[in-house]
Amino acid sequence: MLAGLVPSARRVSADAPRALARAFARLSWPAYALLVGTGIWNVLVDHLASQSFAWRVVLWVKVGVVVVAGAAALAHTRATSKAGLAIWGALSGLSAMAALVLGVLLGG
């Protein structure tokens, strides 16, 4: 969503995209922590032993993808070059989408 706002924000001012990104970060990091917390809670109440081996494999792949998404988002916030911003932002977005797809598979 934020990437879609950048062209319009640039027309407002050169500093507007950075201000939007900071505002987004203030909301997104607490949301990420909440999602990780609720994910842990769901795993604890879901009785992993009763799940199939394939389901557990998908779960652990999803956990890895969520970690990659968070690490890439952190690297994106600390990037100083345009290339770094682009690479880490793309990896963060793609891994977040992959986590969503894996979550849908788990809910099957």
N, C-alpha and C. Protein backbone atom coordinates (compact mmCIF):
# COMPACT_ATOMS: atom_id res chain seq x y z
N MET A 1 0.83 -1.18 0.00
CA MET A 1 0.00 0.00 0.00
C MET A 1 0.88 1.25 0.00
N LEU A 2 1.88 1.24 0.85
CA LEU A 2 2.74 2.40 0.95
C LEU A 2 3.46 2.67 -0.37
N ALA A 3 3.89 1.61 -1.05
CA ALA A 3 4.58 1.78 -2.33
C ALA A 3 3.66 2.45 -3.36
N GLY A 4 2.37 2.18 -3.27
CA GLY A 4 1.43 2.81 -4.19
C GLY A 4 1.22 4.29 -3.90
N LEU A 5 1.49 4.70 -2.68
CA LEU A 5 1.32 6.11 -2.31
C LEU A 5 2.53 6.98 -2.63
N VAL A 6 3.69 6.36 -2.83
CA VAL A 6 4.93 7.12 -3.01
C VAL A 6 4.86 8.10 -4.18
N PRO A 7 4.40 7.70 -5.38
CA PRO A 7 4.36 8.69 -6.47
C PRO A 7 3.52 9.92 -6.14
N SER A 8 2.37 9.72 -5.51
CA SER A 8 1.54 10.87 -5.13
C SER A 8 2.20 11.69 -4.04
N ALA A 9 2.85 11.04 -3.10
CA ALA A 9 3.52 11.75 -2.01
C ALA A 9 4.66 12.61 -2.55
N ARG A 10 5.35 12.11 -3.56
CA ARG A 10 6.45 12.89 -4.15
C ARG A 10 5.95 14.18 -4.78
N ARG A 11 4.72 14.16 -5.30
CA ARG A 11 4.16 15.38 -5.88
C ARG A 11 3.85 16.41 -4.81
N VAL A 12 3.59 15.95 -3.58
CA VAL A 12 3.32 16.87 -2.47
C VAL A 12 4.61 17.56 -2.04
N SER A 13 5.64 16.74 -1.76
CA SER A 13 6.96 17.28 -1.43
C SER A 13 7.98 16.16 -1.50
N ALA A 14 9.25 16.54 -1.58
CA ALA A 14 10.32 15.54 -1.66
C ALA A 14 10.45 14.75 -0.36
N ASP A 15 10.08 15.36 0.76
CA ASP A 15 10.19 14.69 2.06
C ASP A 15 8.94 13.89 2.45
N ALA A 16 7.87 14.01 1.71
CA ALA A 16 6.61 13.34 2.06
C ALA A 16 6.74 11.81 2.09
N PRO A 17 7.41 11.18 1.11
CA PRO A 17 7.52 9.71 1.19
C PRO A 17 8.22 9.23 2.46
N ARG A 18 9.24 9.94 2.88
CA ARG A 18 9.95 9.55 4.11
C ARG A 18 9.04 9.72 5.33
N ALA A 19 8.28 10.79 5.37
CA ALA A 19 7.35 11.01 6.49
C ALA A 19 6.27 9.93 6.52
N LEU A 20 5.75 9.55 5.35
CA LEU A 20 4.77 8.47 5.29
C LEU A 20 5.38 7.15 5.76
N ALA A 21 6.62 6.89 5.37
CA ALA A 21 7.29 5.66 5.77
C ALA A 21 7.47 5.60 7.29
N ARG A 22 7.85 6.71 7.89
CA ARG A 22 7.99 6.74 9.36
C ARG A 22 6.65 6.50 10.05
N ALA A 23 5.60 7.11 9.53
CA ALA A 23 4.27 6.91 10.11
C ALA A 23 3.82 5.45 9.94
N PHE A 24 4.10 4.88 8.78
CA PHE A 24 3.76 3.48 8.53
C PHE A 24 4.52 2.57 9.48
N ALA A 25 5.79 2.86 9.72
CA ALA A 25 6.61 2.03 10.63
C ALA A 25 6.05 2.06 12.05
N ARG A 26 5.56 3.22 12.47
CA ARG A 26 4.98 3.32 13.82
C ARG A 26 3.79 2.38 13.98
N LEU A 27 3.09 2.11 12.89
CA LEU A 27 1.95 1.20 12.94
C LEU A 27 2.34 -0.25 12.62
N SER A 28 3.26 -0.42 11.69
CA SER A 28 3.55 -1.77 11.21
C SER A 28 4.37 -2.60 12.19
N TRP A 29 5.31 -2.02 12.92
CA TRP A 29 6.10 -2.84 13.85
C TRP A 29 5.27 -3.37 15.01
N PRO A 30 4.39 -2.58 15.61
CA PRO A 30 3.50 -3.17 16.62
C PRO A 30 2.58 -4.24 16.02
N ALA A 31 2.12 -4.03 14.80
CA ALA A 31 1.27 -5.03 14.15
C ALA A 31 2.05 -6.32 13.90
N TYR A 32 3.31 -6.21 13.49
CA TYR A 32 4.16 -7.39 13.29
C TYR A 32 4.32 -8.15 14.61
N ALA A 33 4.58 -7.42 15.68
CA ALA A 33 4.72 -8.07 16.99
C ALA A 33 3.42 -8.76 17.41
N LEU A 34 2.30 -8.12 17.16
CA LEU A 34 1.00 -8.72 17.48
C LEU A 34 0.76 -9.99 16.66
N LEU A 35 1.10 -9.95 15.38
CA LEU A 35 0.93 -11.13 14.53
C LEU A 35 1.82 -12.28 14.97
N VAL A 36 3.06 -11.97 15.34
CA VAL A 36 3.96 -13.03 15.84
C VAL A 36 3.39 -13.61 17.14
N GLY A 37 2.94 -12.75 18.02
CA GLY A 37 2.38 -13.21 19.29
C GLY A 37 1.14 -14.07 19.11
N THR A 38 0.23 -13.65 18.23
CA THR A 38 -0.97 -14.46 18.00
C THR A 38 -0.63 -15.75 17.26
N GLY A 39 0.40 -15.71 16.42
CA GLY A 39 0.84 -16.93 15.76
C GLY A 39 1.37 -17.95 16.76
N ILE A 40 2.16 -17.48 17.71
CA ILE A 40 2.67 -18.37 18.76
C ILE A 40 1.50 -18.93 19.57
N TRP A 41 0.57 -18.08 19.92
CA TRP A 41 -0.60 -18.53 20.67
C TRP A 41 -1.38 -19.60 19.90
N ASN A 42 -1.60 -19.36 18.60
CA ASN A 42 -2.32 -20.34 17.78
C ASN A 42 -1.60 -21.68 17.73
N VAL A 43 -0.29 -21.66 17.63
CA VAL A 43 0.48 -22.91 17.60
C VAL A 43 0.35 -23.64 18.93
N LEU A 44 0.38 -22.90 20.02
CA LEU A 44 0.30 -23.52 21.34
C LEU A 44 -1.06 -24.18 21.60
N VAL A 45 -2.12 -23.62 21.07
CA VAL A 45 -3.45 -24.18 21.32
C VAL A 45 -3.89 -25.16 20.23
N ASP A 46 -3.09 -25.34 19.19
CA ASP A 46 -3.49 -26.14 18.04
C ASP A 46 -3.07 -27.61 18.15
N HIS A 47 -2.41 -28.00 19.22
CA HIS A 47 -2.00 -29.39 19.41
C HIS A 47 -1.21 -29.92 18.21
N LEU A 48 0.03 -29.49 18.11
CA LEU A 48 0.87 -29.85 16.98
C LEU A 48 0.97 -31.35 16.76
N ALA A 49 0.96 -32.11 17.84
CA ALA A 49 1.12 -33.56 17.70
C ALA A 49 -0.02 -34.18 16.89
N SER A 50 -1.18 -33.55 16.88
CA SER A 50 -2.31 -34.11 16.14
C SER A 50 -2.30 -33.71 14.67
N GLN A 51 -1.39 -32.83 14.28
CA GLN A 51 -1.31 -32.38 12.89
C GLN A 51 -0.43 -33.33 12.08
N SER A 52 -0.65 -33.35 10.77
CA SER A 52 0.15 -34.20 9.89
C SER A 52 1.57 -33.66 9.77
N PHE A 53 2.45 -34.52 9.32
CA PHE A 53 3.84 -34.11 9.11
C PHE A 53 3.91 -32.98 8.08
N ALA A 54 3.14 -33.10 7.00
CA ALA A 54 3.16 -32.06 5.95
C ALA A 54 2.70 -30.72 6.51
N TRP A 55 1.68 -30.73 7.36
CA TRP A 55 1.20 -29.49 7.96
C TRP A 55 2.28 -28.85 8.81
N ARG A 56 2.98 -29.67 9.59
CA ARG A 56 4.05 -29.14 10.44
C ARG A 56 5.20 -28.60 9.61
N VAL A 57 5.50 -29.23 8.48
CA VAL A 57 6.56 -28.71 7.60
C VAL A 57 6.16 -27.34 7.06
N VAL A 58 4.92 -27.21 6.61
CA VAL A 58 4.45 -25.92 6.10
C VAL A 58 4.48 -24.87 7.21
N LEU A 59 4.12 -25.25 8.42
CA LEU A 59 4.18 -24.32 9.55
C LEU A 59 5.59 -23.80 9.75
N TRP A 60 6.58 -24.69 9.76
CA TRP A 60 7.95 -24.25 10.01
C TRP A 60 8.51 -23.45 8.84
N VAL A 61 8.08 -23.77 7.63
CA VAL A 61 8.47 -22.93 6.48
C VAL A 61 7.88 -21.54 6.65
N LYS A 62 6.62 -21.48 7.09
CA LYS A 62 5.98 -20.18 7.32
C LYS A 62 6.72 -19.40 8.40
N VAL A 63 7.08 -20.06 9.49
CA VAL A 63 7.83 -19.38 10.55
C VAL A 63 9.12 -18.78 9.98
N GLY A 64 9.82 -19.54 9.16
CA GLY A 64 11.04 -19.02 8.53
C GLY A 64 10.77 -17.84 7.64
N VAL A 65 9.69 -17.90 6.87
CA VAL A 65 9.34 -16.81 5.97
C VAL A 65 8.96 -15.56 6.75
N VAL A 66 8.27 -15.73 7.87
CA VAL A 66 7.91 -14.58 8.71
C VAL A 66 9.17 -13.93 9.29
N VAL A 67 10.13 -14.74 9.70
CA VAL A 67 11.40 -14.20 10.19
C VAL A 67 12.12 -13.43 9.08
N VAL A 68 12.14 -13.99 7.87
CA VAL A 68 12.77 -13.30 6.73
C VAL A 68 12.05 -11.98 6.47
N ALA A 69 10.72 -11.98 6.52
CA ALA A 69 9.95 -10.75 6.29
C ALA A 69 10.33 -9.67 7.30
N GLY A 70 10.41 -10.05 8.56
CA GLY A 70 10.78 -9.07 9.60
C GLY A 70 12.20 -8.57 9.44
N ALA A 71 13.12 -9.49 9.16
CA ALA A 71 14.53 -9.09 8.98
C ALA A 71 14.69 -8.19 7.76
N ALA A 72 14.00 -8.52 6.68
CA ALA A 72 14.08 -7.69 5.48
C ALA A 72 13.46 -6.32 5.72
N ALA A 73 12.37 -6.26 6.46
CA ALA A 73 11.75 -4.97 6.77
C ALA A 73 12.69 -4.12 7.63
N LEU A 74 13.35 -4.76 8.58
CA LEU A 74 14.32 -4.04 9.41
C LEU A 74 15.48 -3.52 8.56
N ALA A 75 15.99 -4.37 7.67
CA ALA A 75 17.08 -3.94 6.78
C ALA A 75 16.61 -2.80 5.88
N HIS A 76 15.36 -2.86 5.44
CA HIS A 76 14.81 -1.79 4.60
C HIS A 76 14.78 -0.46 5.36
N THR A 77 14.40 -0.50 6.64
CA THR A 77 14.33 0.74 7.41
C THR A 77 15.71 1.32 7.67
N ARG A 78 16.74 0.48 7.62
CA ARG A 78 18.10 0.95 7.89
C ARG A 78 18.93 1.17 6.64
N ALA A 79 18.37 0.87 5.48
CA ALA A 79 19.10 1.03 4.22
C ALA A 79 19.36 2.51 3.96
N THR A 80 20.52 2.77 3.39
CA THR A 80 20.90 4.16 3.11
C THR A 80 20.96 4.46 1.62
N SER A 81 20.92 3.44 0.79
CA SER A 81 20.97 3.66 -0.66
C SER A 81 19.62 3.33 -1.28
N LYS A 82 19.39 3.87 -2.47
CA LYS A 82 18.14 3.57 -3.17
C LYS A 82 18.08 2.08 -3.52
N ALA A 83 19.22 1.51 -3.90
CA ALA A 83 19.24 0.08 -4.23
C ALA A 83 18.91 -0.76 -3.00
N GLY A 84 19.47 -0.40 -1.86
CA GLY A 84 19.18 -1.13 -0.62
C GLY A 84 17.72 -1.02 -0.24
N LEU A 85 17.16 0.19 -0.35
CA LEU A 85 15.74 0.38 -0.07
C LEU A 85 14.89 -0.50 -0.99
N ALA A 86 15.24 -0.53 -2.27
CA ALA A 86 14.45 -1.30 -3.23
C ALA A 86 14.57 -2.80 -2.98
N ILE A 87 15.78 -3.28 -2.79
CA ILE A 87 16.00 -4.72 -2.61
C ILE A 87 15.33 -5.21 -1.33
N TRP A 88 15.61 -4.53 -0.21
CA TRP A 88 15.05 -4.97 1.06
C TRP A 88 13.54 -4.78 1.12
N GLY A 89 13.05 -3.71 0.51
CA GLY A 89 11.60 -3.51 0.47
C GLY A 89 10.90 -4.59 -0.34
N ALA A 90 11.49 -4.93 -1.49
CA ALA A 90 10.90 -5.99 -2.32
C ALA A 90 10.93 -7.33 -1.60
N LEU A 91 12.05 -7.65 -0.96
CA LEU A 91 12.15 -8.93 -0.24
C LEU A 91 11.15 -8.97 0.92
N SER A 92 11.00 -7.86 1.60
CA SER A 92 10.05 -7.79 2.70
C SER A 92 8.62 -8.01 2.20
N GLY A 93 8.26 -7.33 1.13
CA GLY A 93 6.91 -7.47 0.59
C GLY A 93 6.63 -8.86 0.05
N LEU A 94 7.59 -9.42 -0.68
CA LEU A 94 7.40 -10.77 -1.23
C LEU A 94 7.31 -11.83 -0.14
N SER A 95 8.15 -11.71 0.87
CA SER A 95 8.11 -12.70 1.94
C SER A 95 6.83 -12.56 2.78
N ALA A 96 6.33 -11.34 2.94
CA ALA A 96 5.07 -11.16 3.64
C ALA A 96 3.92 -11.80 2.87
N MET A 97 3.93 -11.66 1.54
CA MET A 97 2.91 -12.31 0.73
C MET A 97 3.03 -13.82 0.79
N ALA A 98 4.26 -14.33 0.80
CA ALA A 98 4.47 -15.77 0.92
C ALA A 98 3.95 -16.28 2.26
N ALA A 99 4.17 -15.52 3.33
CA ALA A 99 3.64 -15.90 4.65
C ALA A 99 2.12 -15.94 4.62
N LEU A 100 1.50 -15.02 3.94
CA LEU A 100 0.05 -15.01 3.83
C LEU A 100 -0.44 -16.28 3.10
N VAL A 101 0.19 -16.61 1.99
CA VAL A 101 -0.20 -17.80 1.23
C VAL A 101 -0.02 -19.06 2.08
N LEU A 102 1.11 -19.14 2.78
CA LEU A 102 1.35 -20.31 3.63
C LEU A 102 0.32 -20.39 4.76
N GLY A 103 -0.08 -19.25 5.29
CA GLY A 103 -1.11 -19.24 6.33
C GLY A 103 -2.44 -19.75 5.80
N VAL A 104 -2.78 -19.40 4.58
CA VAL A 104 -4.01 -19.91 3.96
C VAL A 104 -3.91 -21.42 3.79
N LEU A 105 -2.74 -21.89 3.36
CA LEU A 105 -2.55 -23.34 3.22
C LEU A 105 -2.72 -24.05 4.56
N LEU A 106 -2.21 -23.46 5.62
CA LEU A 106 -2.33 -24.07 6.94
C LEU A 106 -3.77 -24.09 7.42
N GLY A 107 -4.53 -23.09 7.05
CA GLY A 107 -5.93 -23.02 7.47
C GLY A 107 -6.82 -24.00 6.73
N GLY A 108 -6.33 -24.47 5.55
CA GLY A 108 -7.01 -25.38 4.66
C GLY A 108 -8.15 -26.06 5.19
